[in-house]
PDB file of N, CA and C in Angstrom:
ATOM      1  N   MET A   1       1.344   4.909   1.967  1.00  0.00           N
ATOM      2  CA  MET A   1       1.648   5.982   2.878  1.00  0.00           C
ATOM      3  C   MET A   1       0.491   6.219   3.842  1.00  0.00           C
ATOM      4  N   LEU A   2      -0.717   6.216   3.317  1.00  0.00           N
ATOM      5  CA  LEU A   2      -1.864   6.473   4.187  1.00  0.00           C
ATOM      6  C   LEU A   2      -2.037   5.370   5.228  1.00  0.00           C
ATOM      7  N   TYR A   3      -1.744   4.152   4.830  1.00  0.00           N
ATOM      8  CA  TYR A   3      -1.912   3.022   5.748  1.00  0.00           C
ATOM      9  C   TYR A   3      -0.735   2.919   6.713  1.00  0.00           C
ATOM     10  N   GLU A   4       0.470   2.939   6.173  1.00  0.00           N
ATOM     11  CA  GLU A   4       1.666   2.727   6.984  1.00  0.00           C
ATOM     12  C   GLU A   4       2.033   3.931   7.856  1.00  0.00           C
ATOM     13  N   LEU A   5       1.963   5.129   7.318  1.00  0.00           N
ATOM     14  CA  LEU A   5       2.413   6.308   8.056  1.00  0.00           C
ATOM     15  C   LEU A   5       1.286   7.062   8.759  1.00  0.00           C
ATOM     16  N   GLU A   6       0.141   7.130   8.124  1.00  0.00           N
ATOM     17  CA  GLU A   6      -0.979   7.869   8.700  1.00  0.00           C
ATOM     18  C   GLU A   6      -1.886   6.973   9.546  1.00  0.00           C
ATOM     19  N   CYS A   7      -1.661   5.657   9.476  1.00  0.00           N
ATOM     20  CA  CYS A   7      -2.424   4.669  10.263  1.00  0.00           C
ATOM     21  C   CYS A   7      -3.921   4.713   9.979  1.00  0.00           C
ATOM     22  N   LEU A   8      -4.275   4.990   8.729  1.00  0.00           N
ATOM     23  CA  LEU A   8      -5.687   4.968   8.349  1.00  0.00           C
ATOM     24  C   LEU A   8      -6.110   3.542   8.045  1.00  0.00           C
ATOM     25  N   GLU A   9      -7.364   3.244   8.310  1.00  0.00           N
ATOM     26  CA  GLU A   9      -7.899   1.924   8.005  1.00  0.00           C
ATOM     27  C   GLU A   9      -8.158   1.808   6.506  1.00  0.00           C
ATOM     28  N   GLY A  10      -8.145   0.562   6.022  1.00  0.00           N
ATOM     29  CA  GLY A  10      -8.384   0.323   4.607  1.00  0.00           C
ATOM     30  C   GLY A  10      -9.708   0.880   4.133  1.00  0.00           C
ATOM     31  N   ARG A  11     -10.730   0.777   4.964  1.00  0.00           N
ATOM     32  CA  ARG A  11     -12.060   1.285   4.629  1.00  0.00           C
ATOM     33  C   ARG A  11     -12.023   2.797   4.411  1.00  0.00           C
ATOM     34  N   VAL A  12     -11.304   3.499   5.281  1.00  0.00           N
ATOM     35  CA  VAL A  12     -11.209   4.954   5.190  1.00  0.00           C
ATOM     36  C   VAL A  12     -10.433   5.356   3.941  1.00  0.00           C
ATOM     37  N   ILE A  13      -9.346   4.653   3.678  1.00  0.00           N
ATOM     38  CA  ILE A  13      -8.546   4.941   2.479  1.00  0.00           C
ATOM     39  C   ILE A  13      -9.387   4.732   1.224  1.00  0.00           C
ATOM     40  N   ALA A  14     -10.166   3.662   1.200  1.00  0.00           N
ATOM     41  CA  ALA A  14     -11.033   3.387   0.052  1.00  0.00           C
ATOM     42  C   ALA A  14     -12.022   4.524  -0.169  1.00  0.00           C
ATOM     43  N   GLU A  15     -12.594   5.034   0.909  1.00  0.00           N
ATOM     44  CA  GLU A  15     -13.532   6.154   0.790  1.00  0.00           C
ATOM     45  C   GLU A  15     -12.833   7.397   0.258  1.00  0.00           C
ATOM     46  N   LEU A  16     -11.638   7.683   0.770  1.00  0.00           N
ATOM     47  CA  LEU A  16     -10.894   8.862   0.319  1.00  0.00           C
ATOM     48  C   LEU A  16     -10.547   8.788  -1.167  1.00  0.00           C
ATOM     49  N   LEU A  17     -10.156   7.587  -1.615  1.00  0.00           N
ATOM     50  CA  LEU A  17      -9.727   7.414  -3.001  1.00  0.00           C
ATOM     51  C   LEU A  17     -10.876   7.106  -3.956  1.00  0.00           C
ATOM     52  N   GLY A  18     -12.021   6.750  -3.399  1.00  0.00           N
ATOM     53  CA  GLY A  18     -13.169   6.412  -4.248  1.00  0.00           C
ATOM     54  C   GLY A  18     -13.003   5.086  -4.958  1.00  0.00           C
ATOM     55  N   VAL A  19     -12.379   4.128  -4.283  1.00  0.00           N
ATOM     56  CA  VAL A  19     -12.173   2.795  -4.848  1.00  0.00           C
ATOM     57  C   VAL A  19     -12.682   1.749  -3.857  1.00  0.00           C
ATOM     58  N   PRO A  20     -12.930   0.521  -4.326  1.00  0.00           N
ATOM     59  CA  PRO A  20     -13.329  -0.543  -3.402  1.00  0.00           C
ATOM     60  C   PRO A  20     -12.201  -0.849  -2.401  1.00  0.00           C
ATOM     61  N   GLU A  21     -12.571  -1.314  -1.220  1.00  0.00           N
ATOM     62  CA  GLU A  21     -11.570  -1.624  -0.200  1.00  0.00           C
ATOM     63  C   GLU A  21     -10.592  -2.697  -0.674  1.00  0.00           C
ATOM     64  N   ASN A  22     -11.067  -3.676  -1.444  1.00  0.00           N
ATOM     65  CA  ASN A  22     -10.161  -4.713  -1.963  1.00  0.00           C
ATOM     66  C   ASN A  22      -9.073  -4.121  -2.845  1.00  0.00           C
ATOM     67  N   THR A  23      -9.390  -3.051  -3.557  1.00  0.00           N
ATOM     68  CA  THR A  23      -8.395  -2.372  -4.384  1.00  0.00           C
ATOM     69  C   THR A  23      -7.297  -1.776  -3.521  1.00  0.00           C
ATOM     70  N   VAL A  24      -7.678  -1.224  -2.386  1.00  0.00           N
ATOM     71  CA  VAL A  24      -6.690  -0.672  -1.456  1.00  0.00           C
ATOM     72  C   VAL A  24      -5.708  -1.760  -1.042  1.00  0.00           C
ATOM     73  N   TRP A  25      -6.238  -2.923  -0.648  1.00  0.00           N
ATOM     74  CA  TRP A  25      -5.372  -4.007  -0.167  1.00  0.00           C
ATOM     75  C   TRP A  25      -4.496  -4.578  -1.284  1.00  0.00           C
ATOM     76  N   SER A  26      -5.040  -4.689  -2.499  1.00  0.00           N
ATOM     77  CA  SER A  26      -4.212  -5.215  -3.591  1.00  0.00           C
ATOM     78  C   SER A  26      -3.111  -4.227  -3.977  1.00  0.00           C
ATOM     79  N   ARG A  27      -3.415  -2.934  -3.966  1.00  0.00           N
ATOM     80  CA  ARG A  27      -2.388  -1.927  -4.269  1.00  0.00           C
ATOM     81  C   ARG A  27      -1.322  -1.887  -3.177  1.00  0.00           C
ATOM     82  N   LEU A  28      -1.736  -2.052  -1.940  1.00  0.00           N
ATOM     83  CA  LEU A  28      -0.776  -2.095  -0.841  1.00  0.00           C
ATOM     84  C   LEU A  28       0.142  -3.305  -0.981  1.00  0.00           C
ATOM     85  N   HIS A  29      -0.436  -4.434  -1.343  1.00  0.00           N
ATOM     86  CA  HIS A  29       0.359  -5.647  -1.553  1.00  0.00           C
ATOM     87  C   HIS A  29       1.391  -5.440  -2.666  1.00  0.00           C
ATOM     88  N   LEU A  30       0.967  -4.860  -3.784  1.00  0.00           N
ATOM     89  CA  LEU A  30       1.885  -4.631  -4.907  1.00  0.00           C
ATOM     90  C   LEU A  30       2.972  -3.623  -4.543  1.00  0.00           C
ATOM     91  N   ALA A  31       2.612  -2.599  -3.799  1.00  0.00           N
ATOM     92  CA  ALA A  31       3.601  -1.592  -3.392  1.00  0.00           C
ATOM     93  C   ALA A  31       4.658  -2.211  -2.484  1.00  0.00           C
ATOM     94  N   ARG A  32       4.226  -3.065  -1.558  1.00  0.00           N
ATOM     95  CA  ARG A  32       5.184  -3.735  -0.672  1.00  0.00           C
ATOM     96  C   ARG A  32       6.095  -4.665  -1.457  1.00  0.00           C
ATOM     97  N   LYS A  33       5.531  -5.342  -2.430  1.00  0.00           N
ATOM     98  CA  LYS A  33       6.315  -6.255  -3.271  1.00  0.00           C
ATOM     99  C   LYS A  33       7.382  -5.484  -4.051  1.00  0.00           C
ATOM    100  N   LYS A  34       7.000  -4.340  -4.633  1.00  0.00           N
ATOM    101  CA  LYS A  34       7.960  -3.510  -5.366  1.00  0.00           C
ATOM    102  C   LYS A  34       9.038  -2.976  -4.437  1.00  0.00           C
ATOM    103  N   PHE A  35       8.649  -2.554  -3.245  1.00  0.00           N
ATOM    104  CA  PHE A  35       9.606  -2.036  -2.283  1.00  0.00           C
ATOM    105  C   PHE A  35      10.630  -3.100  -1.904  1.00  0.00           C
ATOM    106  N   ARG A  36      10.153  -4.329  -1.633  1.00  0.00           N
ATOM    107  CA  ARG A  36      11.079  -5.422  -1.286  1.00  0.00           C
ATOM    108  C   ARG A  36      12.068  -5.688  -2.403  1.00  0.00           C
ATOM    109  N   ALA A  37      11.594  -5.661  -3.646  1.00  0.00           N
ATOM    110  CA  ALA A  37      12.473  -5.904  -4.793  1.00  0.00           C
ATOM    111  C   ALA A  37      13.521  -4.796  -4.915  1.00  0.00           C
ATOM    112  N   LEU A  38      13.090  -3.555  -4.771  1.00  0.00           N
ATOM    113  CA  LEU A  38      14.036  -2.437  -4.845  1.00  0.00           C
ATOM    114  C   LEU A  38      15.040  -2.488  -3.699  1.00  0.00           C
ATOM    115  N   TRP A  39      14.578  -2.817  -2.517  1.00  0.00           N
ATOM    116  CA  TRP A  39      15.450  -2.902  -1.349  1.00  0.00           C
ATOM    117  C   TRP A  39      16.479  -4.013  -1.534  1.00  0.00           C
ATOM    118  N   ALA A  40      16.051  -5.138  -2.076  1.00  0.00           N
ATOM    119  CA  ALA A  40      16.959  -6.270  -2.305  1.00  0.00           C
ATOM    120  C   ALA A  40      18.028  -5.895  -3.324  1.00  0.00           C
ATOM    121  N   ARG A  41      17.648  -5.181  -4.390  1.00  0.00           N
ATOM    122  CA  ARG A  41      18.623  -4.762  -5.392  1.00  0.00           C
ATOM    123  C   ARG A  41      19.617  -3.781  -4.814  1.00  0.00           C
ATOM    124  N   ARG A  42      19.156  -2.909  -3.956  1.00  0.00           N
ATOM    125  CA  ARG A  42      20.017  -1.895  -3.343  1.00  0.00           C
ATOM    126  C   ARG A  42      21.023  -2.534  -2.378  1.00  0.00           C
ATOM    127  N   ALA A  43      20.630  -3.620  -1.753  1.00  0.00           N
ATOM    128  CA  ALA A  43      21.473  -4.276  -0.757  1.00  0.00           C
ATOM    129  C   ALA A  43      22.642  -5.044  -1.388  1.00  0.00           C
ATOM    130  N   ARG A  44      22.574  -5.266  -2.679  1.00  0.00           N
ATOM    131  CA  ARG A  44      23.640  -6.027  -3.351  1.00  0.00           C
ATOM    132  C   ARG A  44      24.886  -5.230  -3.522  1.00  0.00           C
TER     133      ARG A  44
END
């Protein structure tokens, strides 16, 4: 949400959450993957 809707940079999100920037990108990747799977199931 912070990246897609609020247009915050990964570095800023990492600072806000207190996690490494790589963690932000890996969590974003997993969230997108889950969303695609849910969307595909819904489309059936």
